[in-house]
Amino acid sequence: MAVSATLMYCAPVFVYLISIVFKLETLTASKSLAMVLVMVGIILLTGVYDIGASGVSAVSVGAGLLSGLSYALFIFAFKYASKYGSARAVLSIVFLLSCFILIAVADGYQLQVALVAPDWALFVGLGVLGAGLSFVLYIIGLRQTAPAVASIVAMVEPVTASLFGVSLLGQGLSMVQLGGMALILLAVTGMGVVSGSGESVSYPARS
C-alpha cells in the first residue's frame, strides 16, 4: 500500500512534465522545488523508504503508476473538454461513466449488504462528501488553475487523510511523518503564493 500510494502521488510530476512538453507550463525553479518537496514529504509520510525489496511487487508498482497517470490524464481531459462544453455536462458524463465502471467491477453481494447495513448513512455521507462535494469543488478550482498548480494543491490529500486518521481513528504519527506533512504543506502553500502573485498559464480560446 505504501508503494502504491507513493507512486500514485507522483501525479504532480506527470502533470508538470506533460505540461512542459506541450508548452502549457514553463519550467520554473519554484514549481520544480515544489515538486521535489511534495515527493519527499509523501515518501516520509507513507514510510516507503523503510520498505525492503521483498515489500515491493509488480502489482503495487503498476497500480501506483497507473493511478498517477490516470489522474494526470483526467486533469488534461477536463481542461480540453471544458473548452467545448459546460462544466456541468462534463461532470455528468464523468460521474455516469464512473458509476458504470464501478458497478461492472463491484461485488453484487457486497452492494446488497451495504444497502441494508445499519451504517448505510455513513456510506451515503462518504459518497456525498468524499466523492461528490469534494469533486465538484476541485473541478471549480481546476477551471481557474494551471494543471501543475492544481495537481500539487491536490496533494494535500494525504495530509488531511492522516489528520482524520489521528482524530477519528486514534492513529499516531511519528516525527518523520509529521516532517513529511510539513514539507507537503510548505510546497502547497508556496505554490498558492506563486500562483496568486501572477504566475499563470494561458490556454487556447474556445472555438
C-alpha atoms as a PDB file:
ATOM      1  CA  MET A   1       0.000   0.000   0.000  1.00  0.00           C
ATOM      2  CA  ALA A   2       2.802   2.429   0.844  1.00  0.00           C
ATOM      3  CA  VAL A   3       4.486   1.790  -2.512  1.00  0.00           C
ATOM      4  CA  SER A   4       1.230   2.210  -4.454  1.00  0.00           C
ATOM      5  CA  ALA A   5       0.269   5.343  -2.535  1.00  0.00           C
ATOM      6  CA  THR A   6       3.670   6.940  -3.063  1.00  0.00           C
ATOM      7  CA  LEU A   7       3.650   6.241  -6.812  1.00  0.00           C
ATOM      8  CA  MET A   8       0.046   7.419  -7.077  1.00  0.00           C
ATOM      9  CA  TYR A   9       1.081  10.768  -5.647  1.00  0.00           C
ATOM     10  CA  CYS A  10       3.674  11.095  -8.403  1.00  0.00           C
ATOM     11  CA  ALA A  11       0.770  12.563 -10.388  1.00  0.00           C
ATOM     12  CA  PRO A  12       2.002  16.194  -9.990  1.00  0.00           C
ATOM     13  CA  VAL A  13       5.282  15.181 -11.604  1.00  0.00           C
ATOM     14  CA  PHE A  14       3.470  13.580 -14.552  1.00  0.00           C
ATOM     15  CA  VAL A  15       1.243  16.631 -14.950  1.00  0.00           C
ATOM     16  CA  TYR A  16       4.173  19.030 -14.758  1.00  0.00           C
ATOM     17  CA  LEU A  17       6.293  17.138 -17.305  1.00  0.00           C
ATOM     18  CA  ILE A  18       3.385  16.755 -19.745  1.00  0.00           C
ATOM     19  CA  SER A  19       2.558  20.465 -19.350  1.00  0.00           C
ATOM     20  CA  ILE A  20       6.134  21.383 -20.219  1.00  0.00           C
ATOM     21  CA  VAL A  21       6.210  19.061 -23.239  1.00  0.00           C
ATOM     22  CA  PHE A  22       3.004  20.572 -24.636  1.00  0.00           C
ATOM     23  CA  LYS A  23       4.116  24.100 -23.672  1.00  0.00           C
ATOM     24  CA  LEU A  24       1.235  24.644 -21.250  1.00  0.00           C
ATOM     25  CA  GLU A  25       3.681  25.413 -18.458  1.00  0.00           C
ATOM     26  CA  THR A  26       7.154  26.873 -18.294  1.00  0.00           C
ATOM     27  CA  LEU A  27       9.956  25.255 -16.361  1.00  0.00           C
ATOM     28  CA  THR A  28      10.476  27.358 -13.235  1.00  0.00           C
ATOM     29  CA  ALA A  29      12.566  26.905 -10.132  1.00  0.00           C
ATOM     30  CA  SER A  30       9.586  27.441  -7.806  1.00  0.00           C
ATOM     31  CA  LYS A  31       7.451  24.712  -9.365  1.00  0.00           C
ATOM     32  CA  SER A  32      10.368  22.296  -9.624  1.00  0.00           C
ATOM     33  CA  LEU A  33      11.176  22.856  -5.950  1.00  0.00           C
ATOM     34  CA  ALA A  34       7.526  22.332  -5.027  1.00  0.00           C
ATOM     35  CA  MET A  35       7.523  19.000  -6.880  1.00  0.00           C
ATOM     36  CA  VAL A  36      10.597  17.858  -5.001  1.00  0.00           C
ATOM     37  CA  LEU A  37       9.206  18.943  -1.614  1.00  0.00           C
ATOM     38  CA  VAL A  38       5.872  17.213  -2.262  1.00  0.00           C
ATOM     39  CA  MET A  39       7.507  13.938  -3.276  1.00  0.00           C
ATOM     40  CA  VAL A  40       9.942  13.963  -0.327  1.00  0.00           C
ATOM     41  CA  GLY A  41       7.056  14.757   2.031  1.00  0.00           C
ATOM     42  CA  ILE A  42       4.934  11.916   0.664  1.00  0.00           C
ATOM     43  CA  ILE A  43       7.842   9.464   0.925  1.00  0.00           C
ATOM     44  CA  LEU A  44       8.298  10.419   4.578  1.00  0.00           C
ATOM     45  CA  LEU A  45       4.544  10.314   5.267  1.00  0.00           C
ATOM     46  CA  THR A  46       3.918   6.906   3.669  1.00  0.00           C
ATOM     47  CA  GLY A  47       7.078   5.354   5.094  1.00  0.00           C
ATOM     48  CA  VAL A  48       8.001   3.807   1.745  1.00  0.00           C
ATOM     49  CA  TYR A  49      11.681   4.488   2.472  1.00  0.00           C
ATOM     50  CA  ASP A  50      11.551   1.805   5.178  1.00  0.00           C
ATOM     51  CA  ILE A  51      10.271  -0.961   2.903  1.00  0.00           C
ATOM     52  CA  GLY A  52      12.659  -3.649   1.724  1.00  0.00           C
ATOM     53  CA  ALA A  53      12.780  -5.185  -1.735  1.00  0.00           C
ATOM     54  CA  SER A  54      10.506  -8.009  -0.581  1.00  0.00           C
ATOM     55  CA  GLY A  55       7.755  -5.500   0.114  1.00  0.00           C
ATOM     56  CA  VAL A  56       7.724  -4.184  -3.445  1.00  0.00           C
ATOM     57  CA  SER A  57       5.660  -6.087  -6.003  1.00  0.00           C
ATOM     58  CA  ALA A  58       4.929  -5.559  -9.688  1.00  0.00           C
ATOM     59  CA  VAL A  59       1.249  -5.138  -8.832  1.00  0.00           C
ATOM     60  CA  SER A  60       1.890  -2.353  -6.318  1.00  0.00           C
ATOM     61  CA  VAL A  61       4.255  -0.513  -8.670  1.00  0.00           C
ATOM     62  CA  GLY A  62       1.961  -0.920 -11.678  1.00  0.00           C
ATOM     63  CA  ALA A  63      -1.166   0.117  -9.781  1.00  0.00           C
ATOM     64  CA  GLY A  64       0.530   3.170  -8.320  1.00  0.00           C
ATOM     65  CA  LEU A  65       1.933   4.371 -11.646  1.00  0.00           C
ATOM     66  CA  LEU A  66      -1.345   3.765 -13.495  1.00  0.00           C
ATOM     67  CA  SER A  67      -3.234   5.660 -10.801  1.00  0.00           C
ATOM     68  CA  GLY A  68      -0.912   8.653 -11.099  1.00  0.00           C
ATOM     69  CA  LEU A  69      -1.071   8.620 -14.893  1.00  0.00           C
ATOM     70  CA  SER A  70      -4.873   8.322 -14.811  1.00  0.00           C
ATOM     71  CA  TYR A  71      -5.072  11.345 -12.531  1.00  0.00           C
ATOM     72  CA  ALA A  72      -2.870  13.333 -14.902  1.00  0.00           C
ATOM     73  CA  LEU A  73      -4.995  12.220 -17.866  1.00  0.00           C
ATOM     74  CA  PHE A  74      -8.159  13.371 -16.076  1.00  0.00           C
ATOM     75  CA  ILE A  75      -6.784  16.858 -15.472  1.00  0.00           C
ATOM     76  CA  PHE A  76      -5.840  17.382 -19.102  1.00  0.00           C
ATOM     77  CA  ALA A  77      -9.008  15.741 -20.419  1.00  0.00           C
ATOM     78  CA  PHE A  78     -11.167  18.047 -18.305  1.00  0.00           C
ATOM     79  CA  LYS A  79      -9.191  21.100 -19.383  1.00  0.00           C
ATOM     80  CA  TYR A  80      -9.728  20.135 -23.015  1.00  0.00           C
ATOM     81  CA  ALA A  81     -13.390  19.153 -22.644  1.00  0.00           C
ATOM     82  CA  SER A  82     -14.302  22.321 -20.742  1.00  0.00           C
ATOM     83  CA  LYS A  83     -13.381  24.396 -23.796  1.00  0.00           C
ATOM     84  CA  TYR A  84     -16.180  22.768 -25.787  1.00  0.00           C
ATOM     85  CA  GLY A  85     -18.886  22.233 -23.177  1.00  0.00           C
ATOM     86  CA  SER A  86     -20.110  23.331 -19.779  1.00  0.00           C
ATOM     87  CA  ALA A  87     -18.514  22.031 -16.605  1.00  0.00           C
ATOM     88  CA  ARG A  88     -21.915  20.604 -15.585  1.00  0.00           C
ATOM     89  CA  ALA A  89     -22.098  18.463 -18.729  1.00  0.00           C
ATOM     90  CA  VAL A  90     -18.526  17.268 -18.315  1.00  0.00           C
ATOM     91  CA  LEU A  91     -19.125  16.388 -14.664  1.00  0.00           C
ATOM     92  CA  SER A  92     -22.309  14.486 -15.513  1.00  0.00           C
ATOM     93  CA  ILE A  93     -20.512  12.381 -18.106  1.00  0.00           C
ATOM     94  CA  VAL A  94     -17.628  11.685 -15.726  1.00  0.00           C
ATOM     95  CA  PHE A  95     -19.947  10.650 -12.877  1.00  0.00           C
ATOM     96  CA  LEU A  96     -22.077   8.405 -15.091  1.00  0.00           C
ATOM     97  CA  LEU A  97     -19.032   6.726 -16.597  1.00  0.00           C
ATOM     98  CA  SER A  98     -17.525   6.216 -13.144  1.00  0.00           C
ATOM     99  CA  CYS A  99     -20.757   4.651 -11.878  1.00  0.00           C
ATOM    100  CA  PHE A 100     -20.952   2.238 -14.799  1.00  0.00           C
ATOM    101  CA  ILE A 101     -17.328   1.174 -14.340  1.00  0.00           C
ATOM    102  CA  LEU A 102     -17.696   0.697 -10.578  1.00  0.00           C
ATOM    103  CA  ILE A 103     -20.938  -1.265 -10.926  1.00  0.00           C
ATOM    104  CA  ALA A 104     -19.313  -3.523 -13.520  1.00  0.00           C
ATOM    105  CA  VAL A 105     -16.444  -4.494 -11.220  1.00  0.00           C
ATOM    106  CA  ALA A 106     -18.288  -4.369  -7.875  1.00  0.00           C
ATOM    107  CA  ASP A 107     -19.267  -7.394  -5.800  1.00  0.00           C
ATOM    108  CA  GLY A 108     -23.054  -7.731  -6.124  1.00  0.00           C
ATOM    109  CA  TYR A 109     -23.416  -9.342  -2.710  1.00  0.00           C
ATOM    110  CA  GLN A 110     -21.450  -6.578  -1.006  1.00  0.00           C
ATOM    111  CA  LEU A 111     -23.635  -3.974  -2.696  1.00  0.00           C
ATOM    112  CA  GLN A 112     -26.769  -5.633  -1.342  1.00  0.00           C
ATOM    113  CA  VAL A 113     -25.303  -5.843   2.141  1.00  0.00           C
ATOM    114  CA  ALA A 114     -24.337  -2.141   2.044  1.00  0.00           C
ATOM    115  CA  LEU A 115     -27.879  -1.091   1.127  1.00  0.00           C
ATOM    116  CA  VAL A 116     -29.390  -2.754   4.210  1.00  0.00           C
ATOM    117  CA  ALA A 117     -26.459  -2.205   6.590  1.00  0.00           C
ATOM    118  CA  PRO A 118     -27.212  -0.259   9.795  1.00  0.00           C
ATOM    119  CA  ASP A 119     -24.428   2.171   8.842  1.00  0.00           C
ATOM    120  CA  TRP A 120     -25.859   2.951   5.399  1.00  0.00           C
ATOM    121  CA  ALA A 121     -25.954   6.665   6.303  1.00  0.00           C
ATOM    122  CA  LEU A 122     -22.178   6.604   6.602  1.00  0.00           C
ATOM    123  CA  PHE A 123     -21.921   5.173   3.081  1.00  0.00           C
ATOM    124  CA  VAL A 124     -24.105   7.984   1.793  1.00  0.00           C
ATOM    125  CA  GLY A 125     -22.073  10.593   3.667  1.00  0.00           C
ATOM    126  CA  LEU A 126     -18.849   9.146   2.326  1.00  0.00           C
ATOM    127  CA  GLY A 127     -20.173   9.354  -1.216  1.00  0.00           C
ATOM    128  CA  VAL A 128     -21.648  12.842  -0.920  1.00  0.00           C
ATOM    129  CA  LEU A 129     -18.716  14.429   0.910  1.00  0.00           C
ATOM    130  CA  GLY A 130     -15.783  12.284  -0.191  1.00  0.00           C
ATOM    131  CA  ALA A 131     -16.662  11.844  -3.856  1.00  0.00           C
ATOM    132  CA  GLY A 132     -19.414  14.343  -4.600  1.00  0.00           C
ATOM    133  CA  LEU A 133     -18.877  17.714  -2.948  1.00  0.00           C
ATOM    134  CA  SER A 134     -15.087  17.474  -2.894  1.00  0.00           C
ATOM    135  CA  PHE A 135     -15.016  16.516  -6.577  1.00  0.00           C
ATOM    136  CA  VAL A 136     -17.251  19.424  -7.597  1.00  0.00           C
ATOM    137  CA  LEU A 137     -15.169  21.915  -5.605  1.00  0.00           C
ATOM    138  CA  TYR A 138     -11.994  20.517  -7.116  1.00  0.00           C
ATOM    139  CA  ILE A 139     -13.407  20.895 -10.634  1.00  0.00           C
ATOM    140  CA  ILE A 140     -14.382  24.511  -9.943  1.00  0.00           C
ATOM    141  CA  GLY A 141     -10.838  25.227  -8.824  1.00  0.00           C
ATOM    142  CA  LEU A 142      -9.322  23.316 -11.729  1.00  0.00           C
ATOM    143  CA  ARG A 143     -11.106  25.549 -14.244  1.00  0.00           C
ATOM    144  CA  GLN A 144      -9.272  28.578 -12.850  1.00  0.00           C
ATOM    145  CA  THR A 145      -5.901  26.989 -12.176  1.00  0.00           C
ATOM    146  CA  ALA A 146      -2.953  25.756 -14.191  1.00  0.00           C
ATOM    147  CA  PRO A 147      -2.662  21.922 -14.282  1.00  0.00           C
ATOM    148  CA  ALA A 148       0.644  21.740 -12.407  1.00  0.00           C
ATOM    149  CA  VAL A 149      -0.578  24.050  -9.637  1.00  0.00           C
ATOM    150  CA  ALA A 150      -3.866  22.153  -9.285  1.00  0.00           C
ATOM    151  CA  SER A 151      -2.111  18.793  -9.087  1.00  0.00           C
ATOM    152  CA  ILE A 152       0.261  19.965  -6.357  1.00  0.00           C
ATOM    153  CA  VAL A 153      -2.505  21.581  -4.295  1.00  0.00           C
ATOM    154  CA  ALA A 154      -4.476  18.327  -4.528  1.00  0.00           C
ATOM    155  CA  MET A 155      -1.542  16.554  -2.886  1.00  0.00           C
ATOM    156  CA  VAL A 156      -2.656  17.969   0.460  1.00  0.00           C
ATOM    157  CA  GLU A 157      -4.979  14.953   0.477  1.00  0.00           C
ATOM    158  CA  PRO A 158      -2.550  12.589   2.291  1.00  0.00           C
ATOM    159  CA  VAL A 159      -2.108  15.261   4.956  1.00  0.00           C
ATOM    160  CA  THR A 160      -5.837  15.603   5.607  1.00  0.00           C
ATOM    161  CA  ALA A 161      -6.260  11.821   5.478  1.00  0.00           C
ATOM    162  CA  SER A 162      -3.552  11.411   8.106  1.00  0.00           C
ATOM    163  CA  LEU A 163      -5.124  14.070  10.317  1.00  0.00           C
ATOM    164  CA  PHE A 164      -8.525  12.356  10.056  1.00  0.00           C
ATOM    165  CA  GLY A 165      -6.844   9.085  10.971  1.00  0.00           C
ATOM    166  CA  VAL A 166      -5.414  10.697  14.089  1.00  0.00           C
ATOM    167  CA  SER A 167      -8.600  12.478  15.143  1.00  0.00           C
ATOM    168  CA  LEU A 168     -11.203   9.833  14.247  1.00  0.00           C
ATOM    169  CA  LEU A 169      -9.353   6.509  14.350  1.00  0.00           C
ATOM    170  CA  GLY A 170      -6.863   7.240  17.098  1.00  0.00           C
ATOM    171  CA  GLN A 171      -3.858   6.569  14.886  1.00  0.00           C
ATOM    172  CA  GLY A 172      -0.463   8.018  15.728  1.00  0.00           C
ATOM    173  CA  LEU A 173       2.117   9.878  13.650  1.00  0.00           C
ATOM    174  CA  SER A 174       5.853   9.719  14.070  1.00  0.00           C
ATOM    175  CA  MET A 175       8.133  12.745  13.939  1.00  0.00           C
ATOM    176  CA  VAL A 176       9.267  11.667  10.470  1.00  0.00           C
ATOM    177  CA  GLN A 177       5.654  11.596   9.244  1.00  0.00           C
ATOM    178  CA  LEU A 178       4.977  14.995  10.798  1.00  0.00           C
ATOM    179  CA  GLY A 179       8.028  16.300   8.964  1.00  0.00           C
ATOM    180  CA  GLY A 180       6.652  14.892   5.714  1.00  0.00           C
ATOM    181  CA  MET A 181       3.331  16.627   6.329  1.00  0.00           C
ATOM    182  CA  ALA A 182       5.149  19.902   6.963  1.00  0.00           C
ATOM    183  CA  LEU A 183       7.021  19.623   3.654  1.00  0.00           C
ATOM    184  CA  ILE A 184       3.796  18.957   1.730  1.00  0.00           C
ATOM    185  CA  LEU A 185       2.042  21.914   3.342  1.00  0.00           C
ATOM    186  CA  LEU A 186       5.071  24.115   2.659  1.00  0.00           C
ATOM    187  CA  ALA A 187       5.039  23.166  -1.038  1.00  0.00           C
ATOM    188  CA  VAL A 188       1.278  23.627  -1.384  1.00  0.00           C
ATOM    189  CA  THR A 189       1.367  26.997   0.372  1.00  0.00           C
ATOM    190  CA  GLY A 190       4.309  28.136  -1.716  1.00  0.00           C
ATOM    191  CA  MET A 191       2.564  27.196  -4.956  1.00  0.00           C
ATOM    192  CA  GLY A 192      -0.535  29.082  -3.831  1.00  0.00           C
ATOM    193  CA  VAL A 193       1.516  32.195  -3.175  1.00  0.00           C
ATOM    194  CA  VAL A 194       3.340  31.944  -6.507  1.00  0.00           C
ATOM    195  CA  SER A 195       0.098  31.334  -8.395  1.00  0.00           C
ATOM    196  CA  GLY A 196      -1.605  34.243  -6.679  1.00  0.00           C
ATOM    197  CA  SER A 197       1.272  36.588  -7.491  1.00  0.00           C
ATOM    198  CA  GLY A 198       0.633  36.290 -11.195  1.00  0.00           C
ATOM    199  CA  GLU A 199       2.371  33.155 -12.425  1.00  0.00           C
ATOM    200  CA  SER A 200      -0.290  31.767 -14.712  1.00  0.00           C
ATOM    201  CA  VAL A 201      -0.806  29.754 -17.843  1.00  0.00           C
ATOM    202  CA  SER A 202      -2.879  30.518 -20.906  1.00  0.00           C
ATOM    203  CA  TYR A 203      -4.982  28.108 -22.930  1.00  0.00           C
ATOM    204  CA  PRO A 204      -6.338  28.345 -26.454  1.00  0.00           C
ATOM    205  CA  ALA A 205      -9.631  30.208 -26.706  1.00  0.00           C
ATOM    206  CA  ARG A 206     -12.831  28.263 -27.249  1.00  0.00           C
ATOM    207  CA  SER A 207     -13.614  27.985 -30.941  1.00  0.00           C
END
